[in-house]
Amino acid sequence: MSQLNVSLPPALKAWVESRVAEGRFSSASDYVRHLLRRDQDEAADETEWLRKLIAESRDSEIIEKEPEDILEEIVAERNKRYG
């Protein structure tokens, strides 16, 4: 396994240490790996959601909305889903 060193401000370091102390994670590395996997899953979900939107648009009829309005709707929906 490769190694990556990360600098954290004291408050984040304390947060990581508290999560490990709770017993859900065996080490800070275990916790960070968990967070990275969760981020990967969320990115994959977002990609799938966008692919579905593209597929729906290909299957739909011509609409009267302006492209900018459609993009604003997509961005607003994305922000609701993923913050």
N, C-alpha and C. Protein backbone atom coordinates (compact mmCIF):
# COMPACT_ATOMS: atom_id res chain seq x y z
N MET A 1 0.85 -1.17 0.00
CA MET A 1 0.00 0.00 0.00
C MET A 1 0.90 1.23 0.00
N SER A 2 0.50 2.23 -0.78
CA SER A 2 1.29 3.46 -0.82
C SER A 2 0.90 4.37 0.34
N GLN A 3 1.74 5.37 0.55
CA GLN A 3 1.55 6.25 1.69
C GLN A 3 1.33 7.67 1.20
N LEU A 4 0.48 8.41 1.91
CA LEU A 4 0.18 9.80 1.61
C LEU A 4 0.13 10.55 2.93
N ASN A 5 0.90 11.60 3.04
CA ASN A 5 0.89 12.41 4.26
C ASN A 5 -0.01 13.62 4.05
N VAL A 6 -0.85 13.92 5.03
CA VAL A 6 -1.80 15.02 4.94
C VAL A 6 -1.64 15.90 6.16
N SER A 7 -1.59 17.20 5.94
CA SER A 7 -1.54 18.15 7.05
C SER A 7 -2.95 18.61 7.37
N LEU A 8 -3.28 18.61 8.65
CA LEU A 8 -4.61 19.03 9.09
C LEU A 8 -4.48 20.11 10.16
N PRO A 9 -5.41 21.05 10.16
CA PRO A 9 -5.43 22.00 11.27
C PRO A 9 -5.82 21.26 12.55
N PRO A 10 -5.48 21.81 13.71
CA PRO A 10 -5.74 21.12 14.97
C PRO A 10 -7.19 20.66 15.16
N ALA A 11 -8.15 21.46 14.74
CA ALA A 11 -9.55 21.09 14.94
C ALA A 11 -9.91 19.83 14.14
N LEU A 12 -9.42 19.73 12.91
CA LEU A 12 -9.71 18.54 12.11
C LEU A 12 -8.97 17.32 12.65
N LYS A 13 -7.76 17.52 13.10
CA LYS A 13 -7.01 16.41 13.69
C LYS A 13 -7.75 15.88 14.91
N ALA A 14 -8.25 16.77 15.74
CA ALA A 14 -9.01 16.36 16.92
C ALA A 14 -10.28 15.61 16.51
N TRP A 15 -10.92 16.06 15.45
CA TRP A 15 -12.12 15.39 14.96
C TRP A 15 -11.80 13.96 14.52
N VAL A 16 -10.74 13.81 13.76
CA VAL A 16 -10.34 12.47 13.30
C VAL A 16 -10.04 11.59 14.51
N GLU A 17 -9.30 12.12 15.45
CA GLU A 17 -8.95 11.33 16.64
C GLU A 17 -10.19 10.94 17.43
N SER A 18 -11.18 11.84 17.49
CA SER A 18 -12.41 11.51 18.23
C SER A 18 -13.19 10.41 17.52
N ARG A 19 -13.21 10.42 16.19
CA ARG A 19 -13.91 9.38 15.43
C ARG A 19 -13.23 8.03 15.66
N VAL A 20 -11.92 8.01 15.70
CA VAL A 20 -11.19 6.77 15.96
C VAL A 20 -11.45 6.31 17.39
N ALA A 21 -11.46 7.25 18.32
CA ALA A 21 -11.68 6.91 19.74
C ALA A 21 -13.07 6.31 19.97
N GLU A 22 -14.04 6.67 19.14
CA GLU A 22 -15.39 6.11 19.25
C GLU A 22 -15.41 4.61 18.95
N GLY A 23 -14.37 4.14 18.28
CA GLY A 23 -14.27 2.72 18.00
C GLY A 23 -14.80 2.28 16.65
N ARG A 24 -15.33 3.18 15.86
CA ARG A 24 -15.84 2.80 14.54
C ARG A 24 -14.72 2.56 13.54
N PHE A 25 -13.56 3.15 13.81
CA PHE A 25 -12.41 3.05 12.91
C PHE A 25 -11.19 2.64 13.71
N SER A 26 -10.36 1.81 13.10
CA SER A 26 -9.20 1.31 13.83
C SER A 26 -8.05 2.31 13.87
N SER A 27 -8.06 3.26 12.93
CA SER A 27 -6.98 4.25 12.88
C SER A 27 -7.43 5.45 12.05
N ALA A 28 -6.62 6.49 12.09
CA ALA A 28 -6.91 7.67 11.26
C ALA A 28 -6.91 7.28 9.79
N SER A 29 -6.00 6.41 9.40
CA SER A 29 -5.94 5.96 8.01
C SER A 29 -7.22 5.24 7.61
N ASP A 30 -7.72 4.40 8.50
CA ASP A 30 -8.96 3.68 8.24
C ASP A 30 -10.12 4.65 8.03
N TYR A 31 -10.18 5.68 8.86
CA TYR A 31 -11.24 6.70 8.74
C TYR A 31 -11.12 7.46 7.42
N VAL A 32 -9.92 7.87 7.06
CA VAL A 32 -9.72 8.61 5.81
C VAL A 32 -10.06 7.73 4.61
N ARG A 33 -9.68 6.46 4.63
CA ARG A 33 -10.05 5.54 3.54
C ARG A 33 -11.57 5.45 3.42
N HIS A 34 -12.25 5.37 4.56
CA HIS A 34 -13.72 5.32 4.57
C HIS A 34 -14.30 6.57 3.89
N LEU A 35 -13.78 7.74 4.25
CA LEU A 35 -14.27 8.99 3.67
C LEU A 35 -14.02 9.04 2.16
N LEU A 36 -12.86 8.57 1.74
CA LEU A 36 -12.55 8.57 0.32
C LEU A 36 -13.46 7.62 -0.46
N ARG A 37 -13.72 6.44 0.10
CA ARG A 37 -14.64 5.50 -0.56
C ARG A 37 -16.04 6.09 -0.67
N ARG A 38 -16.48 6.75 0.39
CA ARG A 38 -17.80 7.38 0.37
C ARG A 38 -17.86 8.46 -0.69
N ASP A 39 -16.80 9.24 -0.83
CA ASP A 39 -16.74 10.28 -1.85
C ASP A 39 -16.78 9.66 -3.24
N GLN A 40 -16.06 8.56 -3.44
CA GLN A 40 -16.09 7.86 -4.73
C GLN A 40 -17.51 7.38 -5.05
N ASP A 41 -18.18 6.82 -4.08
CA ASP A 41 -19.55 6.35 -4.28
C ASP A 41 -20.49 7.49 -4.66
N GLU A 42 -20.35 8.62 -3.96
CA GLU A 42 -21.20 9.78 -4.26
C GLU A 42 -20.92 10.31 -5.67
N ALA A 43 -19.65 10.33 -6.07
CA ALA A 43 -19.30 10.78 -7.42
C ALA A 43 -19.89 9.84 -8.46
N ALA A 44 -19.84 8.55 -8.20
CA ALA A 44 -20.42 7.57 -9.12
C ALA A 44 -21.93 7.75 -9.21
N ASP A 45 -22.59 8.00 -8.07
CA ASP A 45 -24.04 8.24 -8.07
C ASP A 45 -24.38 9.48 -8.89
N GLU A 46 -23.58 10.53 -8.72
CA GLU A 46 -23.83 11.76 -9.45
C GLU A 46 -23.64 11.54 -10.95
N THR A 47 -22.62 10.81 -11.33
CA THR A 47 -22.38 10.52 -12.73
C THR A 47 -23.54 9.74 -13.32
N GLU A 48 -24.02 8.75 -12.59
CA GLU A 48 -25.16 7.95 -13.06
C GLU A 48 -26.40 8.82 -13.20
N TRP A 49 -26.63 9.71 -12.25
CA TRP A 49 -27.78 10.61 -12.31
C TRP A 49 -27.69 11.49 -13.56
N LEU A 50 -26.51 12.03 -13.85
CA LEU A 50 -26.34 12.87 -15.05
C LEU A 50 -26.54 12.05 -16.32
N ARG A 51 -26.05 10.81 -16.34
CA ARG A 51 -26.25 9.95 -17.51
C ARG A 51 -27.74 9.70 -17.75
N LYS A 52 -28.50 9.50 -16.67
CA LYS A 52 -29.94 9.30 -16.81
C LYS A 52 -30.61 10.54 -17.38
N LEU A 53 -30.18 11.72 -16.92
CA LEU A 53 -30.74 12.96 -17.45
C LEU A 53 -30.45 13.09 -18.95
N ILE A 54 -29.25 12.74 -19.35
CA ILE A 54 -28.89 12.81 -20.76
C ILE A 54 -29.73 11.84 -21.57
N ALA A 55 -29.89 10.62 -21.06
CA ALA A 55 -30.71 9.62 -21.76
C ALA A 55 -32.15 10.09 -21.88
N GLU A 56 -32.70 10.66 -20.81
CA GLU A 56 -34.07 11.17 -20.85
C GLU A 56 -34.21 12.28 -21.89
N SER A 57 -33.20 13.13 -21.95
CA SER A 57 -33.28 14.24 -22.91
C SER A 57 -33.22 13.73 -24.34
N ARG A 58 -32.43 12.69 -24.57
CA ARG A 58 -32.36 12.12 -25.92
C ARG A 58 -33.69 11.49 -26.32
N ASP A 59 -34.40 10.93 -25.36
CA ASP A 59 -35.67 10.26 -25.63
C ASP A 59 -36.86 11.21 -25.67
N SER A 60 -36.65 12.43 -25.23
CA SER A 60 -37.77 13.38 -25.15
C SER A 60 -37.95 14.12 -26.47
N GLU A 61 -39.09 14.79 -26.53
CA GLU A 61 -39.36 15.61 -27.69
C GLU A 61 -38.72 16.97 -27.51
N ILE A 62 -38.78 17.78 -28.52
CA ILE A 62 -38.22 19.14 -28.47
C ILE A 62 -38.99 19.94 -27.44
N ILE A 63 -38.26 20.70 -26.65
CA ILE A 63 -38.90 21.52 -25.63
C ILE A 63 -38.67 23.00 -25.94
N GLU A 64 -39.44 23.82 -25.31
CA GLU A 64 -39.41 25.26 -25.57
C GLU A 64 -38.45 26.01 -24.66
N LYS A 65 -37.87 25.37 -23.68
CA LYS A 65 -37.00 26.05 -22.72
C LYS A 65 -35.67 26.42 -23.37
N GLU A 66 -35.09 27.48 -22.85
CA GLU A 66 -33.76 27.89 -23.29
C GLU A 66 -32.72 26.98 -22.64
N PRO A 67 -31.61 26.70 -23.32
CA PRO A 67 -30.57 25.84 -22.73
C PRO A 67 -30.07 26.33 -21.38
N GLU A 68 -29.96 27.66 -21.22
CA GLU A 68 -29.49 28.21 -19.95
C GLU A 68 -30.45 27.87 -18.81
N ASP A 69 -31.76 27.91 -19.11
CA ASP A 69 -32.76 27.58 -18.10
C ASP A 69 -32.68 26.11 -17.70
N ILE A 70 -32.48 25.27 -18.69
CA ILE A 70 -32.35 23.83 -18.42
C ILE A 70 -31.12 23.57 -17.56
N LEU A 71 -30.02 24.21 -17.91
CA LEU A 71 -28.79 24.04 -17.14
C LEU A 71 -28.97 24.52 -15.70
N GLU A 72 -29.65 25.64 -15.52
CA GLU A 72 -29.92 26.13 -14.16
C GLU A 72 -30.73 25.12 -13.36
N GLU A 73 -31.73 24.50 -14.00
CA GLU A 73 -32.53 23.48 -13.32
C GLU A 73 -31.69 22.28 -12.92
N ILE A 74 -30.82 21.85 -13.82
CA ILE A 74 -29.95 20.71 -13.53
C ILE A 74 -29.02 21.03 -12.37
N VAL A 75 -28.41 22.21 -12.39
CA VAL A 75 -27.51 22.61 -11.31
C VAL A 75 -28.26 22.71 -9.98
N ALA A 76 -29.45 23.26 -10.00
CA ALA A 76 -30.24 23.37 -8.77
C ALA A 76 -30.58 21.99 -8.24
N GLU A 77 -30.98 21.08 -9.10
CA GLU A 77 -31.30 19.70 -8.67
C GLU A 77 -30.05 19.01 -8.12
N ARG A 78 -28.92 19.21 -8.79
CA ARG A 78 -27.66 18.61 -8.33
C ARG A 78 -27.32 19.14 -6.94
N ASN A 79 -27.47 20.42 -6.73
CA ASN A 79 -27.16 21.01 -5.42
C ASN A 79 -28.09 20.49 -4.34
N LYS A 80 -29.36 20.25 -4.67
CA LYS A 80 -30.28 19.66 -3.70
C LYS A 80 -29.85 18.25 -3.33
N ARG A 81 -29.41 17.48 -4.32
CA ARG A 81 -29.04 16.09 -4.10
C ARG A 81 -27.70 15.93 -3.40
N TYR A 82 -26.72 16.73 -3.80
CA TYR A 82 -25.34 16.49 -3.36
C TYR A 82 -24.73 17.64 -2.58
N GLY A 83 -25.50 18.67 -2.35
CA GLY A 83 -25.00 19.78 -1.54
C GLY A 83 -24.05 20.59 -2.28
